[in-house]
Amino acid sequence: MIEGKKCSSVILKTRKIGKWVDVNTDEIFKGKKVILFSLPGAFTPTCSEKQLPGFEKNYDKLLSLGVNEVYCISVNDGFVMNAWADQQKLTKVKVLPDGNADFTRSMGMLIDKKHLGFGPRSWRYCAIINDGVVEKWWQEEGMNNEGSDPDPYEQTTPENCIKYLSK
């Protein structure tokens, strides 16, 4: 059970205004309640058409329920994540590149997507992290390295976060 787990301290290599900026996950989570959702890849269909836009659309509602910030993390580099955020016209959800998969690996969510030519990626999950500790966890069924899944998107929705936070 991942609920109750303290998140690892990992440095994420981000790009801001043309410069490399190290972002420590401890700083992102410390003293805050955040939603962190992960997905297999920027620019991919389910991620671009459903998951990321859903969290962007529900951002204000999530904050009204006591969340301080909403982050999307993926095993992609900072250039890709920034280009995707621009393409998606994000103004609210923050993107986090996990190019080396250090955070994803520490959460036990690193999978192999070689069958698609992607290499190592994240399984789709969503967490409410309260002061660095996983309070609530959702992940999609069928986690595997063989590609024997239909890329499910049922558990890791903003609606499930809203339902949980509304209790």
N, C-alpha and C. Protein backbone atom coordinates (compact mmCIF):
# COMPACT_ATOMS: atom_id res chain seq x y z
N MET A 1 0.86 -1.19 0.00
CA MET A 1 0.00 0.00 0.00
C MET A 1 0.88 1.23 0.00
N ILE A 2 0.71 2.09 -0.97
CA ILE A 2 1.55 3.27 -1.10
C ILE A 2 1.05 4.43 -0.22
N GLU A 3 -0.22 4.39 0.19
CA GLU A 3 -0.72 5.46 1.07
C GLU A 3 0.07 5.41 2.38
N GLY A 4 0.48 6.57 2.85
CA GLY A 4 1.31 6.67 4.04
C GLY A 4 2.80 6.72 3.73
N LYS A 5 3.17 6.48 2.47
CA LYS A 5 4.58 6.51 2.06
C LYS A 5 5.07 7.94 1.94
N LYS A 6 6.27 8.20 2.47
CA LYS A 6 6.89 9.51 2.27
C LYS A 6 7.53 9.51 0.89
N CYS A 7 7.30 10.56 0.15
CA CYS A 7 7.87 10.68 -1.19
C CYS A 7 9.37 10.91 -1.09
N SER A 8 10.10 10.33 -2.01
CA SER A 8 11.55 10.50 -2.06
C SER A 8 11.91 11.93 -2.44
N SER A 9 13.04 12.37 -1.95
CA SER A 9 13.59 13.66 -2.34
C SER A 9 14.37 13.46 -3.63
N VAL A 10 13.90 14.07 -4.69
CA VAL A 10 14.50 13.90 -6.01
C VAL A 10 14.66 15.28 -6.64
N ILE A 11 15.76 15.47 -7.34
CA ILE A 11 15.98 16.70 -8.10
C ILE A 11 15.47 16.48 -9.53
N LEU A 12 14.55 17.33 -9.96
CA LEU A 12 14.03 17.28 -11.32
C LEU A 12 14.67 18.41 -12.12
N LYS A 13 15.18 18.09 -13.28
CA LYS A 13 15.84 19.07 -14.16
C LYS A 13 14.78 19.74 -15.02
N THR A 14 14.47 20.99 -14.71
CA THR A 14 13.43 21.72 -15.44
C THR A 14 14.07 22.84 -16.26
N ARG A 15 13.30 23.36 -17.21
CA ARG A 15 13.73 24.49 -18.02
C ARG A 15 12.80 25.65 -17.75
N LYS A 16 13.38 26.78 -17.36
CA LYS A 16 12.61 28.00 -17.12
C LYS A 16 13.33 29.17 -17.77
N ILE A 17 12.65 29.81 -18.67
CA ILE A 17 13.16 30.99 -19.37
C ILE A 17 14.57 30.74 -19.91
N GLY A 18 14.73 29.61 -20.60
CA GLY A 18 15.98 29.31 -21.29
C GLY A 18 17.12 28.83 -20.42
N LYS A 19 16.86 28.52 -19.14
CA LYS A 19 17.92 28.05 -18.24
C LYS A 19 17.48 26.78 -17.53
N TRP A 20 18.48 25.96 -17.19
CA TRP A 20 18.20 24.77 -16.39
C TRP A 20 17.98 25.19 -14.95
N VAL A 21 16.91 24.68 -14.36
CA VAL A 21 16.59 24.96 -12.96
C VAL A 21 16.32 23.63 -12.27
N ASP A 22 17.05 23.38 -11.18
CA ASP A 22 16.81 22.17 -10.40
C ASP A 22 15.63 22.40 -9.47
N VAL A 23 14.68 21.50 -9.51
CA VAL A 23 13.52 21.57 -8.63
C VAL A 23 13.56 20.33 -7.73
N ASN A 24 13.57 20.56 -6.43
CA ASN A 24 13.60 19.47 -5.46
C ASN A 24 12.16 19.11 -5.09
N THR A 25 11.83 17.82 -5.16
CA THR A 25 10.47 17.42 -4.83
C THR A 25 10.12 17.75 -3.37
N ASP A 26 11.12 17.77 -2.50
CA ASP A 26 10.85 18.17 -1.10
C ASP A 26 10.25 19.57 -1.05
N GLU A 27 10.78 20.48 -1.86
CA GLU A 27 10.29 21.85 -1.87
C GLU A 27 8.88 21.95 -2.44
N ILE A 28 8.57 21.09 -3.40
CA ILE A 28 7.24 21.09 -4.01
C ILE A 28 6.18 20.63 -3.00
N PHE A 29 6.53 19.63 -2.19
CA PHE A 29 5.56 19.00 -1.31
C PHE A 29 5.53 19.54 0.12
N LYS A 30 6.62 20.13 0.58
CA LYS A 30 6.74 20.52 1.99
C LYS A 30 5.67 21.53 2.41
N GLY A 31 4.90 21.14 3.44
CA GLY A 31 3.91 22.04 4.01
C GLY A 31 2.70 22.31 3.14
N LYS A 32 2.52 21.50 2.08
CA LYS A 32 1.41 21.73 1.16
C LYS A 32 0.65 20.44 0.90
N LYS A 33 -0.57 20.60 0.45
CA LYS A 33 -1.37 19.48 -0.06
C LYS A 33 -1.42 19.66 -1.57
N VAL A 34 -0.86 18.69 -2.29
CA VAL A 34 -0.81 18.80 -3.74
C VAL A 34 -1.38 17.54 -4.38
N ILE A 35 -1.85 17.72 -5.59
CA ILE A 35 -2.21 16.58 -6.42
C ILE A 35 -1.07 16.41 -7.42
N LEU A 36 -0.59 15.19 -7.52
CA LEU A 36 0.43 14.84 -8.49
C LEU A 36 -0.13 13.71 -9.32
N PHE A 37 -0.23 13.95 -10.63
CA PHE A 37 -0.67 12.86 -11.50
C PHE A 37 0.41 12.59 -12.53
N SER A 38 0.54 11.31 -12.87
CA SER A 38 1.57 10.90 -13.79
C SER A 38 0.95 10.16 -14.96
N LEU A 39 1.65 10.23 -16.06
CA LEU A 39 1.14 9.63 -17.29
C LEU A 39 2.30 9.15 -18.14
N PRO A 40 2.02 8.26 -19.09
CA PRO A 40 3.09 7.66 -19.88
C PRO A 40 3.87 8.63 -20.77
N GLY A 41 3.24 9.68 -21.28
CA GLY A 41 4.03 10.56 -22.12
C GLY A 41 3.30 11.77 -22.64
N ALA A 42 4.04 12.85 -22.71
CA ALA A 42 3.54 14.08 -23.32
C ALA A 42 3.17 13.80 -24.77
N PHE A 43 2.18 14.49 -25.26
CA PHE A 43 1.71 14.42 -26.64
C PHE A 43 1.02 13.11 -27.01
N THR A 44 0.84 12.19 -26.06
CA THR A 44 0.18 10.93 -26.37
C THR A 44 -1.34 11.13 -26.24
N PRO A 45 -2.14 10.31 -26.93
CA PRO A 45 -3.58 10.58 -27.05
C PRO A 45 -4.36 10.71 -25.74
N THR A 46 -4.36 9.70 -24.89
CA THR A 46 -5.15 9.76 -23.66
C THR A 46 -4.66 10.88 -22.75
N CYS A 47 -3.35 11.05 -22.69
CA CYS A 47 -2.76 12.09 -21.84
C CYS A 47 -3.14 13.49 -22.32
N SER A 48 -3.12 13.68 -23.64
CA SER A 48 -3.37 15.00 -24.23
C SER A 48 -4.84 15.33 -24.43
N GLU A 49 -5.66 14.31 -24.61
CA GLU A 49 -7.07 14.54 -24.89
C GLU A 49 -7.96 14.44 -23.66
N LYS A 50 -7.51 13.73 -22.64
CA LYS A 50 -8.37 13.50 -21.47
C LYS A 50 -7.73 13.94 -20.16
N GLN A 51 -6.62 13.29 -19.78
CA GLN A 51 -6.11 13.46 -18.42
C GLN A 51 -5.63 14.89 -18.13
N LEU A 52 -4.67 15.39 -18.90
CA LEU A 52 -4.17 16.74 -18.64
C LEU A 52 -5.26 17.81 -18.80
N PRO A 53 -6.04 17.79 -19.88
CA PRO A 53 -7.11 18.80 -19.98
C PRO A 53 -8.14 18.69 -18.85
N GLY A 54 -8.40 17.48 -18.38
CA GLY A 54 -9.35 17.31 -17.28
C GLY A 54 -8.89 17.97 -16.00
N PHE A 55 -7.61 17.83 -15.70
CA PHE A 55 -7.07 18.48 -14.50
C PHE A 55 -6.99 19.99 -14.67
N GLU A 56 -6.67 20.46 -15.86
CA GLU A 56 -6.64 21.90 -16.12
C GLU A 56 -8.05 22.49 -15.93
N LYS A 57 -9.04 21.81 -16.48
CA LYS A 57 -10.43 22.28 -16.39
C LYS A 57 -10.93 22.29 -14.94
N ASN A 58 -10.52 21.32 -14.14
CA ASN A 58 -11.00 21.19 -12.76
C ASN A 58 -10.07 21.81 -11.73
N TYR A 59 -9.05 22.51 -12.17
CA TYR A 59 -8.04 23.09 -11.29
C TYR A 59 -8.64 23.95 -10.18
N ASP A 60 -9.48 24.90 -10.54
CA ASP A 60 -10.05 25.81 -9.54
C ASP A 60 -10.91 25.06 -8.52
N LYS A 61 -11.66 24.08 -8.98
CA LYS A 61 -12.48 23.26 -8.07
C LYS A 61 -11.58 22.51 -7.09
N LEU A 62 -10.49 21.94 -7.57
CA LEU A 62 -9.56 21.21 -6.71
C LEU A 62 -8.95 22.14 -5.66
N LEU A 63 -8.57 23.35 -6.07
CA LEU A 63 -8.02 24.30 -5.11
C LEU A 63 -9.07 24.72 -4.09
N SER A 64 -10.32 24.82 -4.52
CA SER A 64 -11.38 25.21 -3.58
C SER A 64 -11.62 24.13 -2.52
N LEU A 65 -11.14 22.91 -2.78
CA LEU A 65 -11.30 21.79 -1.85
C LEU A 65 -10.07 21.58 -0.97
N GLY A 66 -9.17 22.58 -0.94
CA GLY A 66 -8.04 22.52 -0.02
C GLY A 66 -6.71 22.12 -0.61
N VAL A 67 -6.63 21.96 -1.92
CA VAL A 67 -5.37 21.61 -2.57
C VAL A 67 -4.61 22.91 -2.86
N ASN A 68 -3.29 22.88 -2.64
CA ASN A 68 -2.47 24.06 -2.90
C ASN A 68 -1.96 24.15 -4.33
N GLU A 69 -1.75 22.98 -4.98
CA GLU A 69 -1.24 22.99 -6.35
C GLU A 69 -1.51 21.64 -7.00
N VAL A 70 -1.51 21.66 -8.34
CA VAL A 70 -1.71 20.45 -9.13
C VAL A 70 -0.53 20.33 -10.09
N TYR A 71 0.13 19.17 -10.05
CA TYR A 71 1.30 18.91 -10.88
C TYR A 71 1.08 17.69 -11.76
N CYS A 72 1.59 17.76 -12.97
CA CYS A 72 1.64 16.63 -13.90
C CYS A 72 3.10 16.25 -14.07
N ILE A 73 3.43 14.99 -13.80
CA ILE A 73 4.82 14.52 -13.96
C ILE A 73 4.84 13.40 -14.99
N SER A 74 5.91 13.38 -15.78
CA SER A 74 6.05 12.36 -16.80
C SER A 74 7.53 12.10 -17.04
N VAL A 75 7.85 10.90 -17.49
CA VAL A 75 9.22 10.56 -17.84
C VAL A 75 9.49 11.14 -19.24
N ASN A 76 9.64 12.44 -19.25
CA ASN A 76 10.00 13.22 -20.43
C ASN A 76 10.96 14.30 -19.96
N ASP A 77 11.74 14.87 -20.87
CA ASP A 77 12.67 15.93 -20.49
C ASP A 77 11.95 17.28 -20.41
N GLY A 78 12.65 18.26 -19.87
CA GLY A 78 12.08 19.59 -19.67
C GLY A 78 11.64 20.27 -20.96
N PHE A 79 12.38 20.06 -22.05
CA PHE A 79 12.00 20.67 -23.33
C PHE A 79 10.65 20.13 -23.79
N VAL A 80 10.50 18.82 -23.71
CA VAL A 80 9.25 18.17 -24.14
C VAL A 80 8.08 18.61 -23.27
N MET A 81 8.28 18.60 -21.97
CA MET A 81 7.18 18.98 -21.06
C MET A 81 6.76 20.43 -21.28
N ASN A 82 7.72 21.32 -21.47
CA ASN A 82 7.38 22.73 -21.72
C ASN A 82 6.66 22.90 -23.06
N ALA A 83 7.12 22.20 -24.09
CA ALA A 83 6.47 22.29 -25.40
C ALA A 83 5.05 21.75 -25.32
N TRP A 84 4.86 20.69 -24.57
CA TRP A 84 3.52 20.11 -24.41
C TRP A 84 2.61 21.07 -23.65
N ALA A 85 3.13 21.66 -22.57
CA ALA A 85 2.34 22.65 -21.81
C ALA A 85 1.92 23.80 -22.72
N ASP A 86 2.82 24.26 -23.57
CA ASP A 86 2.48 25.33 -24.51
C ASP A 86 1.42 24.87 -25.50
N GLN A 87 1.60 23.69 -26.05
CA GLN A 87 0.66 23.15 -27.04
C GLN A 87 -0.73 22.97 -26.42
N GLN A 88 -0.76 22.58 -25.14
CA GLN A 88 -2.03 22.38 -24.43
C GLN A 88 -2.61 23.69 -23.89
N LYS A 89 -1.86 24.77 -24.03
CA LYS A 89 -2.27 26.09 -23.53
C LYS A 89 -2.57 26.07 -22.03
N LEU A 90 -1.68 25.39 -21.29
CA LEU A 90 -1.84 25.31 -19.83
C LEU A 90 -1.62 26.68 -19.20
N THR A 91 -2.47 27.01 -18.25
CA THR A 91 -2.28 28.23 -17.47
C THR A 91 -2.32 27.93 -15.98
N LYS A 92 -2.73 26.72 -15.60
CA LYS A 92 -2.91 26.40 -14.19
C LYS A 92 -2.08 25.22 -13.72
N VAL A 93 -2.28 24.05 -14.31
CA VAL A 93 -1.52 22.86 -13.92
C VAL A 93 -0.05 23.08 -14.25
N LYS A 94 0.83 22.69 -13.33
CA LYS A 94 2.28 22.80 -13.53
C LYS A 94 2.82 21.45 -14.01
N VAL A 95 3.72 21.48 -14.99
CA VAL A 95 4.33 20.25 -15.48
C VAL A 95 5.71 20.06 -14.86
N LEU A 96 6.02 18.79 -14.58
CA LEU A 96 7.31 18.43 -14.00
C LEU A 96 7.96 17.35 -14.87
N PRO A 97 9.14 17.61 -15.40
CA PRO A 97 9.84 16.59 -16.17
C PRO A 97 10.61 15.67 -15.24
N ASP A 98 10.46 14.38 -15.46
CA ASP A 98 11.23 13.37 -14.72
C ASP A 98 12.07 12.61 -15.75
N GLY A 99 12.92 13.35 -16.47
CA GLY A 99 13.66 12.81 -17.60
C GLY A 99 14.49 11.58 -17.28
N ASN A 100 15.04 11.50 -16.09
CA ASN A 100 15.83 10.33 -15.70
C ASN A 100 15.00 9.28 -15.00
N ALA A 101 13.72 9.52 -14.83
CA ALA A 101 12.78 8.60 -14.18
C ALA A 101 13.11 8.36 -12.71
N ASP A 102 13.86 9.25 -12.09
CA ASP A 102 14.25 9.04 -10.69
C ASP A 102 13.05 9.05 -9.74
N PHE A 103 12.16 10.02 -9.91
CA PHE A 103 11.00 10.07 -9.03
C PHE A 103 10.05 8.91 -9.33
N THR A 104 9.81 8.67 -10.60
CA THR A 104 8.91 7.58 -11.01
C THR A 104 9.40 6.24 -10.47
N ARG A 105 10.68 6.00 -10.59
CA ARG A 105 11.28 4.76 -10.07
C ARG A 105 11.09 4.67 -8.55
N SER A 106 11.29 5.79 -7.85
CA SER A 106 11.16 5.79 -6.38
C SER A 106 9.73 5.51 -5.93
N MET A 107 8.77 5.81 -6.80
CA MET A 107 7.36 5.54 -6.47
C MET A 107 6.94 4.13 -6.89
N GLY A 108 7.84 3.38 -7.52
CA GLY A 108 7.53 2.03 -7.96
C GLY A 108 6.64 1.99 -9.19
N MET A 109 6.65 3.06 -9.98
CA MET A 109 5.75 3.17 -11.12
C MET A 109 6.44 3.14 -12.47
N LEU A 110 7.74 2.83 -12.50
CA LEU A 110 8.47 2.78 -13.77
C LEU A 110 8.14 1.49 -14.49
N ILE A 111 7.73 1.63 -15.75
CA ILE A 111 7.41 0.47 -16.58
C ILE A 111 8.19 0.58 -17.89
N ASP A 112 8.16 -0.50 -18.65
CA ASP A 112 8.85 -0.52 -19.93
C ASP A 112 7.82 -0.45 -21.04
N LYS A 113 7.96 0.52 -21.91
CA LYS A 113 7.07 0.66 -23.06
C LYS A 113 7.85 0.46 -24.37
N LYS A 114 8.80 -0.49 -24.35
CA LYS A 114 9.60 -0.79 -25.54
C LYS A 114 8.73 -1.18 -26.72
N HIS A 115 7.63 -1.86 -26.44
CA HIS A 115 6.76 -2.31 -27.52
C HIS A 115 6.22 -1.15 -28.35
N LEU A 116 6.24 0.07 -27.79
CA LEU A 116 5.81 1.26 -28.53
C LEU A 116 6.99 2.13 -28.96
N GLY A 117 8.21 1.69 -28.61
CA GLY A 117 9.38 2.49 -28.92
C GLY A 117 9.60 3.63 -27.95
N PHE A 118 8.93 3.60 -26.80
CA PHE A 118 9.03 4.68 -25.82
C PHE A 118 10.17 4.47 -24.82
N GLY A 119 10.54 3.20 -24.56
CA GLY A 119 11.50 2.92 -23.49
C GLY A 119 10.83 3.04 -22.14
N PRO A 120 11.60 3.34 -21.09
CA PRO A 120 11.03 3.44 -19.74
C PRO A 120 10.06 4.62 -19.63
N ARG A 121 8.92 4.38 -19.04
CA ARG A 121 7.89 5.41 -18.83
C ARG A 121 7.20 5.18 -17.50
N SER A 122 6.31 6.07 -17.18
CA SER A 122 5.53 5.93 -15.95
C SER A 122 4.21 5.25 -16.24
N TRP A 123 3.80 4.41 -15.30
CA TRP A 123 2.43 3.91 -15.31
C TRP A 123 1.55 5.08 -14.87
N ARG A 124 0.31 5.08 -15.30
CA ARG A 124 -0.61 6.17 -14.98
C ARG A 124 -1.07 6.05 -13.52
N TYR A 125 -0.78 7.11 -12.74
CA TYR A 125 -1.22 7.17 -11.35
C TYR A 125 -1.57 8.59 -10.97
N CYS A 126 -2.21 8.73 -9.83
CA CYS A 126 -2.58 10.04 -9.28
C CYS A 126 -2.51 9.94 -7.76
N ALA A 127 -1.98 10.97 -7.13
CA ALA A 127 -1.84 10.95 -5.68
C ALA A 127 -2.18 12.32 -5.09
N ILE A 128 -2.74 12.27 -3.90
CA ILE A 128 -2.84 13.48 -3.09
C ILE A 128 -1.71 13.35 -2.08
N ILE A 129 -0.80 14.31 -2.13
CA ILE A 129 0.38 14.29 -1.28
C ILE A 129 0.25 15.43 -0.28
N ASN A 130 0.28 15.07 0.98
CA ASN A 130 0.10 16.03 2.06
C ASN A 130 1.41 16.14 2.83
N ASP A 131 2.09 17.28 2.71
CA ASP A 131 3.37 17.53 3.37
C ASP A 131 4.38 16.41 3.08
N GLY A 132 4.43 15.97 1.84
CA GLY A 132 5.41 14.99 1.42
C GLY A 132 5.02 13.53 1.62
N VAL A 133 3.82 13.29 2.17
CA VAL A 133 3.36 11.93 2.43
C VAL A 133 2.12 11.65 1.59
N VAL A 134 2.08 10.47 0.97
CA VAL A 134 0.94 10.10 0.14
C VAL A 134 -0.28 9.87 1.04
N GLU A 135 -1.27 10.73 0.86
CA GLU A 135 -2.52 10.62 1.62
C GLU A 135 -3.50 9.71 0.90
N LYS A 136 -3.61 9.87 -0.40
CA LYS A 136 -4.54 9.06 -1.21
C LYS A 136 -3.86 8.70 -2.51
N TRP A 137 -4.10 7.47 -2.98
CA TRP A 137 -3.42 6.95 -4.16
C TRP A 137 -4.41 6.27 -5.07
N TRP A 138 -4.29 6.57 -6.36
CA TRP A 138 -5.04 5.87 -7.40
C TRP A 138 -4.03 5.45 -8.46
N GLN A 139 -4.22 4.27 -9.02
CA GLN A 139 -3.44 3.90 -10.19
C GLN A 139 -4.32 3.04 -11.07
N GLU A 140 -4.01 3.06 -12.34
CA GLU A 140 -4.80 2.28 -13.29
C GLU A 140 -4.48 0.79 -13.15
N GLU A 141 -5.47 -0.02 -13.45
CA GLU A 141 -5.32 -1.48 -13.41
C GLU A 141 -4.38 -1.95 -14.51
N GLY A 142 -3.78 -3.12 -14.30
CA GLY A 142 -3.06 -3.81 -15.36
C GLY A 142 -1.63 -3.38 -15.58
N MET A 143 -0.97 -2.81 -14.57
CA MET A 143 0.42 -2.37 -14.73
C MET A 143 1.28 -3.53 -15.22
N ASN A 144 2.02 -3.29 -16.31
CA ASN A 144 2.83 -4.35 -16.90
C ASN A 144 3.89 -3.75 -17.81
N ASN A 145 4.82 -4.58 -18.22
CA ASN A 145 5.90 -4.17 -19.13
C ASN A 145 5.72 -4.70 -20.55
N GLU A 146 4.66 -5.42 -20.80
CA GLU A 146 4.48 -6.07 -22.09
C GLU A 146 3.57 -5.32 -23.04
N GLY A 147 2.88 -4.31 -22.56
CA GLY A 147 1.93 -3.60 -23.42
C GLY A 147 0.61 -4.34 -23.56
N SER A 148 0.34 -5.22 -22.59
CA SER A 148 -0.90 -6.00 -22.64
C SER A 148 -2.02 -5.27 -21.92
N ASP A 149 -2.10 -3.96 -22.13
CA ASP A 149 -3.15 -3.15 -21.50
C ASP A 149 -3.71 -2.21 -22.55
N PRO A 150 -4.93 -1.77 -22.36
CA PRO A 150 -5.54 -0.83 -23.32
C PRO A 150 -5.28 0.63 -22.96
N ASP A 151 -4.21 0.91 -22.18
CA ASP A 151 -3.92 2.26 -21.68
C ASP A 151 -5.13 2.81 -20.93
N PRO A 152 -5.48 2.14 -19.81
CA PRO A 152 -6.69 2.54 -19.09
C PRO A 152 -6.60 3.94 -18.48
N TYR A 153 -7.74 4.58 -18.41
CA TYR A 153 -7.87 5.88 -17.75
C TYR A 153 -9.25 5.92 -17.09
N GLU A 154 -9.32 5.34 -15.90
CA GLU A 154 -10.57 5.30 -15.14
C GLU A 154 -10.38 5.75 -13.70
N GLN A 155 -9.25 5.39 -13.09
CA GLN A 155 -9.02 5.66 -11.68
C GLN A 155 -8.37 7.02 -11.42
N THR A 156 -7.54 7.47 -12.34
CA THR A 156 -6.65 8.61 -12.10
C THR A 156 -7.23 9.92 -12.64
N THR A 157 -8.50 10.13 -12.40
CA THR A 157 -9.22 11.28 -12.94
C THR A 157 -9.34 12.40 -11.91
N PRO A 158 -9.51 13.62 -12.39
CA PRO A 158 -9.77 14.72 -11.45
C PRO A 158 -11.09 14.51 -10.71
N GLU A 159 -12.04 13.86 -11.36
CA GLU A 159 -13.33 13.61 -10.71
C GLU A 159 -13.17 12.73 -9.47
N ASN A 160 -12.28 11.74 -9.53
CA ASN A 160 -12.03 10.91 -8.35
C ASN A 160 -11.37 11.71 -7.24
N CYS A 161 -10.49 12.65 -7.60
CA CYS A 161 -9.88 13.54 -6.61
C CYS A 161 -10.96 14.41 -5.96
N ILE A 162 -11.83 14.96 -6.77
CA ILE A 162 -12.90 15.83 -6.26
C ILE A 162 -13.81 15.05 -5.32
N LYS A 163 -14.17 13.83 -5.71
CA LYS A 163 -15.03 13.00 -4.86
C LYS A 163 -14.36 12.74 -3.51
N TYR A 164 -13.08 12.39 -3.53
CA TYR A 164 -12.35 12.13 -2.29
C TYR A 164 -12.24 13.39 -1.43
N LEU A 165 -11.88 14.50 -2.04
CA LEU A 165 -11.67 15.76 -1.28
C LEU A 165 -12.98 16.34 -0.77
N SER A 166 -14.09 15.97 -1.38
CA SER A 166 -15.39 16.51 -0.98
C SER A 166 -15.97 15.80 0.25
N LYS A 167 -15.37 14.69 0.64
CA LYS A 167 -15.88 13.93 1.79
C LYS A 167 -15.65 14.66 3.09
